[in-house]
Protein backbone atom coordinates (compact mmCIF):
# COMPACT_ATOMS: atom_id res chain seq x y z
CA MET A 1 115.21 99.94 99.33
CA SER A 2 112.81 101.22 101.81
CA ILE A 3 113.65 102.56 105.25
CA GLU A 4 111.58 101.29 108.20
CA PHE A 5 111.04 103.18 111.40
CA ASP A 6 108.75 103.45 114.24
CA VAL A 7 106.50 106.59 114.36
CA SER A 8 104.62 107.72 117.58
CA TRP A 9 101.71 110.12 117.64
CA ALA A 10 100.62 109.73 121.41
CA PRO A 11 102.17 108.19 124.55
CA SER A 12 100.97 104.84 123.92
CA GLU A 13 100.32 104.92 120.11
CA HIS A 14 102.99 103.94 117.71
CA LYS A 15 103.36 101.85 114.47
CA THR A 16 106.11 100.59 112.40
CA VAL A 17 106.05 102.14 108.71
CA SER A 18 108.43 102.17 105.80
CA ARG A 19 109.14 104.81 103.13
CA GLU A 20 111.73 105.35 100.41
CA PRO A 21 114.97 106.93 101.57
CA ASP A 22 114.67 109.93 98.92
CA LYS A 23 111.15 111.15 100.42
CA THR A 24 111.48 114.36 102.13
CA ILE A 25 110.23 115.09 105.71
CA ARG A 26 107.26 116.90 104.18
CA GLU A 27 106.27 114.21 101.99
CA VAL A 28 106.50 111.66 104.85
CA VAL A 29 104.47 113.92 107.26
CA GLN A 30 101.71 114.32 104.48
CA SER A 31 101.48 110.82 104.06
CA LEU A 32 101.42 109.83 107.81
CA VAL A 33 98.66 112.36 108.49
CA VAL A 34 96.45 110.31 105.98
CA GLN A 35 97.78 106.84 106.97
CA LEU A 36 97.28 107.58 110.82
CA ASN A 37 93.93 109.34 110.19
CA LEU A 38 95.17 112.36 112.29
CA PRO A 39 92.90 115.38 112.58
CA GLU A 40 93.53 118.29 110.05
CA TYR A 41 91.99 121.08 112.22
CA ASP A 42 92.20 121.87 115.91
CA PRO A 43 89.00 122.56 117.91
CA GLN A 44 89.00 126.15 116.99
CA GLY A 45 88.96 125.35 113.32
CA ARG A 46 92.52 126.20 112.56
CA ARG A 47 94.49 123.90 110.25
CA ILE A 48 97.08 121.81 112.09
CA VAL A 49 100.71 122.03 110.82
CA TYR A 50 102.31 118.72 111.69
CA GLY A 51 106.16 118.19 111.93
CA LEU A 52 108.45 115.15 112.51
CA TYR A 53 110.72 114.99 115.62
CA ARG A 54 113.43 112.70 116.81
CA GLU A 55 115.39 112.40 120.01
CA HIS A 56 118.71 114.38 120.18
CA ASP A 57 120.72 115.07 123.34
CA GLY A 58 117.81 114.08 125.66
CA GLU A 59 115.35 116.40 123.69
CA ARG A 60 113.01 116.09 120.81
CA GLU A 61 114.18 118.27 117.77
CA LEU A 62 112.04 119.24 114.75
CA LEU A 63 113.47 117.82 111.46
CA GLN A 64 113.54 120.27 108.54
CA ASP A 65 110.88 119.67 105.96
CA ALA A 66 113.31 119.85 103.07
CA ARG A 67 115.58 117.02 104.28
CA THR A 68 115.19 113.50 102.99
CA LEU A 69 114.95 110.44 105.34
CA LYS A 70 118.41 109.47 104.00
CA SER A 71 120.01 112.70 104.76
CA ALA A 72 118.34 112.83 108.13
CA ARG A 73 119.68 109.37 108.85
CA ILE A 74 116.37 108.07 109.92
CA GLN A 75 116.77 104.29 110.09
CA ALA A 76 115.28 101.69 112.55
CA GLN A 77 114.60 104.46 115.29
CA THR A 78 111.43 106.13 116.88
CA VAL A 79 110.31 109.57 115.50
CA TYR A 80 107.44 111.56 116.60
CA ILE A 81 104.73 113.36 114.58
CA ALA A 82 103.01 116.27 116.28
CA ASN A 83 101.35 119.65 115.97
CA VAL A 84 104.30 121.89 115.71
CA ALA A 85 102.43 124.62 117.53
CA ALA A 86 101.65 122.34 120.55
CA PRO A 87 103.57 119.02 120.62
CA TRP A 88 101.48 116.32 122.50
CA TRP A 89 104.33 115.49 124.98
CA GLN A 90 104.37 119.03 126.23
CA SER A 91 102.25 119.45 129.49
CA ASN A 92 99.85 122.15 127.99
CA ALA A 93 99.30 120.15 124.82
CA THR A 94 96.28 118.34 123.87
CA LEU A 95 96.86 114.83 122.49
CA PRO A 96 95.91 114.31 118.86
CA ALA A 97 92.55 112.52 118.53
CA PRO A 98 91.37 110.59 115.45
CA LYS A 99 88.90 112.31 113.22
CA PRO A 100 85.43 112.06 114.66
CA GLY A 101 83.47 109.19 113.24
CA PRO A 102 79.67 109.13 112.53
CA ARG A 103 77.26 109.50 115.36
CA PRO A 104 76.03 106.08 116.75
CA PRO A 105 72.86 104.96 115.29
CA THR A 106 69.55 105.01 117.29
CA LYS A 107 68.65 101.59 116.11
CA PRO A 108 70.62 98.50 115.09
CA LEU A 109 71.90 98.46 111.54
CA PRO A 110 72.21 95.29 109.41
CA ARG A 111 75.44 93.51 109.90
CA ARG A 112 78.04 94.78 107.33
CA LEU A 113 80.41 92.46 105.66
CA ALA A 114 84.02 93.01 106.60
CA SER A 115 86.17 94.91 104.27
CA PRO A 116 88.74 93.16 102.11
CA SER A 117 92.05 93.00 103.96
CA SER A 118 94.43 92.82 101.25
CA CYS A 119 95.27 94.74 98.02
CA ARG A 120 96.85 93.83 94.76
CA LEU A 121 97.77 95.73 91.75
CA LYS A 122 97.76 94.57 88.16
CA LEU A 123 100.49 96.59 86.45
CA ALA A 124 100.36 94.76 83.28
CA PRO A 125 98.81 91.60 81.81
CA SER A 126 101.46 89.40 83.21
CA CYS A 127 102.50 91.53 86.12
CA THR A 128 100.51 91.51 89.50
CA VAL A 129 101.93 92.60 92.86
CA VAL A 130 100.41 92.38 96.29
CA VAL A 131 100.86 95.60 98.27
CA GLN A 132 103.07 94.88 101.28
CA GLY A 133 102.65 96.78 104.51
CA ASP A 134 100.31 99.72 104.44
CA TYR A 135 101.82 102.24 102.17
CA LEU A 136 103.10 102.09 98.48
CA GLU A 137 104.01 104.86 96.31
CA LEU A 138 103.41 104.68 92.54
CA ASP A 139 105.50 106.48 90.04
CA ARG A 140 107.61 105.85 87.00
CA ALA A 141 110.61 104.75 89.05
CA TYR A 142 108.54 102.11 90.64
CA LEU A 143 107.02 100.79 87.43
CA SER A 144 110.29 100.95 85.76
CA SER A 145 111.67 98.51 88.44
CA THR A 146 108.68 96.34 88.65
CA LEU A 147 107.27 95.84 85.31
CA PRO A 148 108.54 92.89 83.21
CA GLN A 149 111.70 93.69 81.14
CA THR A 150 109.85 92.89 77.95
CA THR A 151 107.35 95.67 78.80
CA ILE A 152 110.06 98.16 79.54
CA LEU A 153 111.97 97.30 76.37
CA ALA A 154 108.79 97.76 74.30
CA GLU A 155 108.04 101.17 75.79
CA LYS A 156 111.53 102.26 74.95
CA ALA A 157 111.17 100.92 71.33
CA HIS A 158 108.11 103.09 71.12
CA ILE A 159 110.13 106.09 72.18
CA PHE A 160 113.07 105.22 69.73
CA SER A 161 110.48 104.85 66.89
CA GLY A 162 109.02 108.44 67.57
CA PHE A 163 105.78 107.12 69.09
CA ASP A 164 104.27 108.06 72.39
CA SER A 165 104.85 105.98 75.48
CA ARG A 166 102.41 105.84 78.32
CA LEU A 167 105.08 105.28 80.81
CA MET A 168 106.55 108.71 80.08
CA HIS A 169 103.18 110.25 81.21
CA VAL A 170 103.81 108.97 84.71
CA SER A 171 105.82 111.25 87.05
CA ARG A 172 109.24 110.06 87.68
CA LYS A 173 108.69 110.51 91.35
CA ASN A 174 105.83 110.59 93.87
CA HIS A 175 102.78 110.34 91.43
CA CYS A 176 100.31 108.69 93.88
CA ALA A 177 100.19 106.51 96.80
CA ILE A 178 98.20 103.51 98.02
CA ILE A 179 97.66 103.80 101.60
CA ARG A 180 95.86 101.27 104.16
CA GLN A 181 93.87 103.14 106.87
CA GLY A 182 92.25 100.60 109.28
CA ASP A 183 89.96 98.40 107.17
CA HIS A 184 90.12 100.75 104.16
CA TRP A 185 92.38 101.25 101.31
CA LEU A 186 92.87 104.79 99.92
CA LEU A 187 94.55 106.40 96.87
CA ARG A 188 96.15 109.68 97.33
CA ALA A 189 97.04 111.57 93.96
CA TYR A 190 99.92 113.90 94.00
CA LYS A 191 99.98 114.30 90.16
CA PRO A 192 96.98 113.80 87.72
CA THR A 193 95.54 110.46 88.37
CA TYR A 194 92.22 109.01 87.14
CA VAL A 195 90.22 106.58 89.38
CA ASN A 196 87.46 104.95 87.52
CA GLY A 197 87.44 107.98 85.12
CA LYS A 198 87.49 110.56 87.93
CA LEU A 199 90.57 112.87 87.89
CA LEU A 200 92.24 113.38 91.18
CA ASN A 201 95.30 115.80 91.78
CA ASN A 202 97.08 117.78 94.37
CA GLY A 203 96.76 115.53 97.36
CA GLN A 204 93.20 114.52 96.71
CA THR A 205 92.31 111.30 98.36
CA VAL A 206 89.63 108.64 97.49
CA THR A 207 88.55 105.43 99.27
CA ILE A 208 88.87 102.26 97.03
CA GLN A 209 85.48 100.48 97.22
CA PRO A 210 85.51 96.70 96.83
CA PRO A 211 86.10 94.94 94.54
CA GLY A 212 88.54 97.51 93.35
CA ALA A 213 89.18 100.34 90.80
CA GLU A 214 90.53 101.12 87.34
CA VAL A 215 93.40 103.73 87.62
CA VAL A 216 95.33 105.59 85.03
CA LEU A 217 98.52 107.26 86.11
CA GLY A 218 98.70 110.56 84.14
CA ASN A 219 96.79 111.79 81.10
CA GLY A 220 96.96 109.07 78.71
CA GLY A 221 99.26 107.45 81.01
CA TRP A 222 99.76 103.95 82.51
CA PRO A 223 96.58 101.95 83.29
CA ILE A 224 96.51 99.97 86.54
CA THR A 225 93.77 97.69 88.11
CA ILE A 226 93.45 97.67 91.83
CA GLU A 227 91.85 94.58 93.21
CA LEU A 228 90.79 94.18 97.05
CA PHE A 229 90.64 90.69 98.38
CA GLU A 230 90.56 88.69 101.51
CA ALA A 231 93.97 87.25 102.08
């Protein structure tokens, strides 16, 4: 069961998010940087190292990267994400600004259609799920708990018969994540993931373009169809 908590990245900026309890603080921070569109480099061009903080005895303490949300007892409380070299609540710190967008056009552009607001995943011919919230991790554990029991039994039968199982090519944990960022949906791959035939890995991220994308988790792994739609 996911853990919900409030994350703040500026004095008046906060958002309720949810993550699996076995995710480490490092994994949570990495996903939040993408989800909240935080800058990756400071004005001097140095890469920003983010950390997660919480209130303790009237001060904000930095949580250790290796701890999990469960062991840190993060549940229904506010945490703070900040540059560990200069947390934004300190008087000499600079508030994190979103990544700069494109320069404004010099002449009006044609009106652009609104991006689809919702995302659903076709995990199998008889199994389609709508992504709830703005973050979902895909891995073998998720597929095993979501796919129809008949599909899981068929994959186990393949293994017992000495055949290959596509499900076993998916990492047990933290294979990739579907992230909503504003009006866009992103896929961030932590393990080998093919998006419309293109290989992504090691944190590479791609924006899913309407109407969706064909995704394969792992080399010869489990195929998924991502569909973007208006709710």
